[in-house]
């Protein structure tokens, strides 16, 4: 029996939502273990911040100070 296109798109959407939820959960559990893992206010990525010589945190992707 063939699956209709509407049913298939609903199943793909549910799978996509599930995968993204699992990724968010994994990121949250990883951040509990690593206090340097934060969301950058400029680029929005969740990264491990570096420290510069003055003690400021720096996003390794965009270079913004936090």
Protein backbone atom coordinates (compact mmCIF):
# COMPACT_ATOMS: atom_id res chain seq x y z
CA UNK A 1 0.00 0.00 0.00
CA UNK A 2 1.42 3.39 -0.98
CA UNK A 3 1.72 6.31 1.43
CA UNK A 4 0.02 9.49 0.35
CA UNK A 5 2.17 12.59 -0.04
CA UNK A 6 0.29 14.42 2.74
CA UNK A 7 0.92 11.60 5.23
CA UNK A 8 4.57 11.44 4.25
CA UNK A 9 5.12 15.17 4.76
CA UNK A 10 3.54 14.95 8.23
CA UNK A 11 5.84 12.06 9.15
CA UNK A 12 8.90 13.91 7.86
CA UNK A 13 7.89 17.00 9.86
CA UNK A 14 7.49 14.94 13.03
CA UNK A 15 10.86 13.28 12.51
CA UNK A 16 12.50 16.66 11.92
CA UNK A 17 10.99 18.10 15.11
CA UNK A 18 12.13 15.03 17.07
CA UNK A 19 15.70 15.22 15.77
CA UNK A 20 15.96 18.95 16.58
CA UNK A 21 14.54 18.38 20.07
CA UNK A 22 17.13 15.66 20.72
CA UNK A 23 19.91 17.97 19.52
CA UNK A 24 18.72 20.75 21.86
CA UNK A 25 18.54 18.31 24.78
CA UNK A 26 22.05 17.07 24.08
CA UNK A 27 23.34 20.66 23.90
CA UNK A 28 21.69 21.52 27.22
CA UNK A 29 23.15 18.48 28.96
CA UNK A 30 26.60 19.28 27.54
CA UNK A 31 26.37 22.87 28.76
CA UNK A 32 25.70 21.69 32.30
CA UNK A 33 29.12 20.00 32.25
CA UNK A 34 30.92 22.90 30.56
CA UNK A 35 30.34 26.42 31.97
CA UNK A 36 32.21 28.01 29.03
CA UNK A 37 29.62 26.73 26.54
CA UNK A 38 27.35 29.71 25.92
CA UNK A 39 25.21 31.31 23.23
CA UNK A 40 26.90 34.23 21.48
CA UNK A 41 24.80 37.39 21.47
CA UNK A 42 26.06 38.42 18.03
CA UNK A 43 26.02 35.26 15.89
CA UNK A 44 23.59 33.17 17.99
CA UNK A 45 25.74 30.05 17.92
CA UNK A 46 26.26 27.93 21.03
CA UNK A 47 30.04 27.72 21.37
CA UNK A 48 32.77 27.29 23.94
CA UNK A 49 33.97 30.80 24.72
CA UNK A 50 37.69 31.55 24.86
CA UNK A 51 39.28 33.90 27.37
CA UNK A 52 41.54 36.70 26.23
CA UNK A 53 44.35 38.30 28.25
CA UNK A 54 42.06 40.80 29.95
CA UNK A 55 39.76 38.08 31.28
CA UNK A 56 36.97 38.70 28.75
CA UNK A 57 35.22 35.84 26.98
CA UNK A 58 35.52 35.83 23.18
CA UNK A 59 33.33 33.98 20.66
CA UNK A 60 35.66 31.92 18.44
CA UNK A 61 33.29 32.24 15.45
CA UNK A 62 32.65 35.97 15.22
CA UNK A 63 35.16 37.45 17.68
CA UNK A 64 32.61 39.31 19.84
CA UNK A 65 33.55 39.97 23.46
CA UNK A 66 31.17 38.81 26.17
